[in-house]
């Protein structure tokens, strides 16, 4: 869950661990209490808002979860000083997916990849968004970018698979 420096979405992991423990044990009211407390200390943290959205969604409060997600997304887009990391984006992606808004998760990853074009973790998240949306051409383009950044052959294989899926799709629609 933590990034390289013991931070979870830019927040010390020791502050976030009780939230995840409460979520894992399905104690959502307790998790919401912890996340509300952290929001008081980090009011402009997209990660904390994403966690709040995740908790609200698990509690069945879809409208409130959607609002929290959109607020986190807005923070990511509006403030260049805000940390954009894969943990924040993947948390948002989980909630957006459960709320049937895959397009919003994809736009978050696209924005992050635009800000940090050589970040392989973000590109892999974007690739996975395209997989969920069946965007085979964009999968291929992203896989080729990943190959250019990392030089790993597995990304060429991903690009080839995406091409094959495009061809299969066009064959089916004939």
Protein backbone atom coordinates (compact mmCIF):
# COMPACT_ATOMS: atom_id res chain seq x y z
CA UNK A 1 0.00 0.00 0.00
CA UNK A 2 2.78 2.47 0.80
CA UNK A 3 4.92 4.19 -1.74
CA UNK A 4 8.73 4.28 -1.65
CA UNK A 5 9.02 6.78 1.19
CA UNK A 6 6.53 5.32 3.70
CA UNK A 7 3.85 7.65 2.41
CA UNK A 8 0.38 6.64 1.37
CA UNK A 9 -0.88 9.22 -1.09
CA UNK A 10 1.52 11.77 0.42
CA UNK A 11 0.28 11.06 3.97
CA UNK A 12 2.42 9.12 6.49
CA UNK A 13 1.33 5.51 6.37
CA UNK A 14 0.94 5.31 10.15
CA UNK A 15 -1.94 7.78 9.79
CA UNK A 16 -3.63 5.81 7.01
CA UNK A 17 -3.13 2.27 8.35
CA UNK A 18 -6.04 2.46 10.88
CA UNK A 19 -8.38 3.45 8.06
CA UNK A 20 -7.39 0.48 5.91
CA UNK A 21 -7.58 -1.85 8.92
CA UNK A 22 -11.13 -0.64 9.61
CA UNK A 23 -12.09 -1.04 5.93
CA UNK A 24 -10.60 -4.55 5.83
CA UNK A 25 -12.57 -5.55 8.91
CA UNK A 26 -15.74 -3.96 7.48
CA UNK A 27 -15.96 -1.39 10.28
CA UNK A 28 -16.98 1.40 7.95
CA UNK A 29 -18.29 3.80 10.60
CA UNK A 30 -14.96 3.59 12.41
CA UNK A 31 -13.11 4.07 9.11
CA UNK A 32 -15.24 7.10 8.32
CA UNK A 33 -14.44 8.56 11.75
CA UNK A 34 -10.68 8.13 11.09
CA UNK A 35 -10.88 9.58 7.58
CA UNK A 36 -12.91 12.57 8.77
CA UNK A 37 -10.25 13.26 11.37
CA UNK A 38 -7.51 13.06 8.73
CA UNK A 39 -9.45 15.38 6.44
CA UNK A 40 -9.25 17.97 9.19
CA UNK A 41 -5.44 17.72 9.07
CA UNK A 42 -5.12 17.28 5.30
CA UNK A 43 -8.16 19.04 3.78
CA UNK A 44 -6.66 19.24 0.27
CA UNK A 45 -5.51 15.63 0.04
CA UNK A 46 -7.05 13.83 -2.93
CA UNK A 47 -6.00 10.53 -1.37
CA UNK A 48 -7.93 11.12 1.85
CA UNK A 49 -10.97 12.20 -0.19
CA UNK A 50 -10.62 9.05 -2.29
CA UNK A 51 -10.52 6.95 0.88
CA UNK A 52 -13.62 8.73 2.13
CA UNK A 53 -15.33 7.98 -1.18
CA UNK A 54 -14.35 4.32 -0.91
CA UNK A 55 -15.80 4.09 2.60
CA UNK A 56 -19.01 5.89 1.62
CA UNK A 57 -19.45 3.63 -1.39
CA UNK A 58 -18.99 0.54 0.78
CA UNK A 59 -21.62 1.95 3.17
CA UNK A 60 -24.06 2.21 0.25
CA UNK A 61 -23.93 6.01 0.05
CA UNK A 62 -23.29 6.26 -3.67
CA UNK A 63 -24.20 9.94 -4.09
CA UNK A 64 -21.88 11.05 -1.31
CA UNK A 65 -19.14 8.76 -2.61
CA UNK A 66 -19.50 10.24 -6.08
CA UNK A 67 -19.25 13.77 -4.67
CA UNK A 68 -16.09 12.90 -2.71
CA UNK A 69 -14.53 11.30 -5.80
CA UNK A 70 -15.31 14.29 -7.97
CA UNK A 71 -13.83 16.61 -5.32
CA UNK A 72 -10.65 14.51 -5.25
CA UNK A 73 -10.51 14.55 -9.05
CA UNK A 74 -10.92 18.32 -9.05
CA UNK A 75 -8.04 18.70 -6.58
CA UNK A 76 -5.83 16.54 -8.79
CA UNK A 77 -6.63 18.70 -11.81
CA UNK A 78 -6.53 22.14 -10.20
CA UNK A 79 -3.44 22.18 -8.02
CA UNK A 80 -0.01 21.40 -9.48
CA UNK A 81 1.48 21.08 -5.99
CA UNK A 82 -0.84 18.18 -5.12
CA UNK A 83 0.87 14.80 -5.12
CA UNK A 84 -0.37 12.63 -7.97
CA UNK A 85 0.45 9.02 -7.22
CA UNK A 86 -0.77 5.63 -8.29
CA UNK A 87 -2.24 4.84 -4.88
CA UNK A 88 -4.56 7.84 -5.03
CA UNK A 89 -5.53 7.10 -8.62
CA UNK A 90 -6.10 3.40 -8.02
CA UNK A 91 -8.32 4.19 -5.02
CA UNK A 92 -10.33 6.60 -7.16
CA UNK A 93 -10.48 4.00 -9.91
CA UNK A 94 -11.99 1.41 -7.56
CA UNK A 95 -14.74 3.79 -6.52
CA UNK A 96 -15.42 5.15 -10.01
CA UNK A 97 -15.62 1.59 -11.32
CA UNK A 98 -18.09 0.57 -8.61
CA UNK A 99 -20.14 3.69 -9.42
CA UNK A 100 -20.11 2.79 -13.16
CA UNK A 101 -17.96 5.78 -14.16
CA UNK A 102 -14.93 4.12 -15.74
CA UNK A 103 -14.50 7.14 -17.99
CA UNK A 104 -13.77 9.37 -14.98
CA UNK A 105 -11.09 7.00 -13.70
CA UNK A 106 -9.52 6.93 -17.15
CA UNK A 107 -9.51 10.72 -17.37
CA UNK A 108 -7.69 10.90 -14.01
CA UNK A 109 -4.98 8.56 -15.26
CA UNK A 110 -4.75 10.42 -18.57
CA UNK A 111 -4.28 13.69 -16.70
CA UNK A 112 -1.61 12.15 -14.45
CA UNK A 113 0.25 10.65 -17.41
CA UNK A 114 0.17 14.06 -19.07
CA UNK A 115 1.82 15.59 -15.99
CA UNK A 116 4.33 12.76 -15.58
CA UNK A 117 4.82 11.21 -19.03
CA UNK A 118 7.64 8.85 -18.01
CA UNK A 119 6.02 7.38 -14.89
CA UNK A 120 5.64 3.69 -15.62
CA UNK A 121 3.27 3.02 -12.71
CA UNK A 122 0.85 5.67 -13.95
CA UNK A 123 1.07 4.38 -17.51
CA UNK A 124 0.29 0.85 -16.33
CA UNK A 125 -2.75 2.19 -14.50
CA UNK A 126 -3.83 3.99 -17.66
CA UNK A 127 -3.32 0.82 -19.69
CA UNK A 128 -5.54 -1.07 -17.25
CA UNK A 129 -8.23 1.61 -17.58
CA UNK A 130 -8.17 1.14 -21.34
CA UNK A 131 -8.42 -2.63 -20.86
CA UNK A 132 -11.57 -2.17 -18.76
CA UNK A 133 -13.04 0.11 -21.43
CA UNK A 134 -12.10 -2.21 -24.33
CA UNK A 135 -10.13 0.66 -25.94
CA UNK A 136 -7.78 -1.55 -27.92
CA UNK A 137 -6.11 1.21 -29.94
CA UNK A 138 -5.35 3.24 -26.82
CA UNK A 139 -4.08 0.08 -25.12
CA UNK A 140 -1.68 -0.43 -28.00
CA UNK A 141 -0.47 3.18 -27.94
CA UNK A 142 0.08 3.11 -24.19
CA UNK A 143 1.91 -0.23 -24.34
CA UNK A 144 4.27 1.18 -26.98
CA UNK A 145 4.93 4.25 -24.81
CA UNK A 146 5.71 1.95 -21.88
CA UNK A 147 8.12 -0.01 -24.07
CA UNK A 148 9.88 3.20 -25.08
CA UNK A 149 10.22 4.26 -21.43
CA UNK A 150 11.20 0.92 -19.89
CA UNK A 151 12.55 -1.06 -22.83
CA UNK A 152 10.87 -4.22 -21.55
CA UNK A 153 9.66 -6.70 -24.14
CA UNK A 154 6.53 -7.53 -22.18
CA UNK A 155 5.12 -4.17 -23.24
CA UNK A 156 5.64 -5.08 -26.90
CA UNK A 157 3.69 -8.26 -26.21
CA UNK A 158 0.90 -6.14 -24.71
CA UNK A 159 0.90 -3.98 -27.86
CA UNK A 160 0.72 -7.05 -30.11
CA UNK A 161 -2.16 -8.47 -28.06
CA UNK A 162 -3.97 -5.15 -28.36
CA UNK A 163 -3.53 -5.25 -32.16
CA UNK A 164 -4.91 -8.77 -32.25
CA UNK A 165 -7.91 -7.69 -30.20
CA UNK A 166 -8.52 -4.82 -32.65
CA UNK A 167 -8.48 -7.25 -35.54
CA UNK A 168 -10.75 -9.70 -33.77
CA UNK A 169 -13.17 -6.88 -32.98
CA UNK A 170 -13.24 -5.72 -36.61
CA UNK A 171 -13.71 -9.32 -37.79
CA UNK A 172 -16.68 -9.80 -35.46
CA UNK A 173 -18.34 -6.60 -36.69
CA UNK A 174 -18.12 -7.65 -40.34
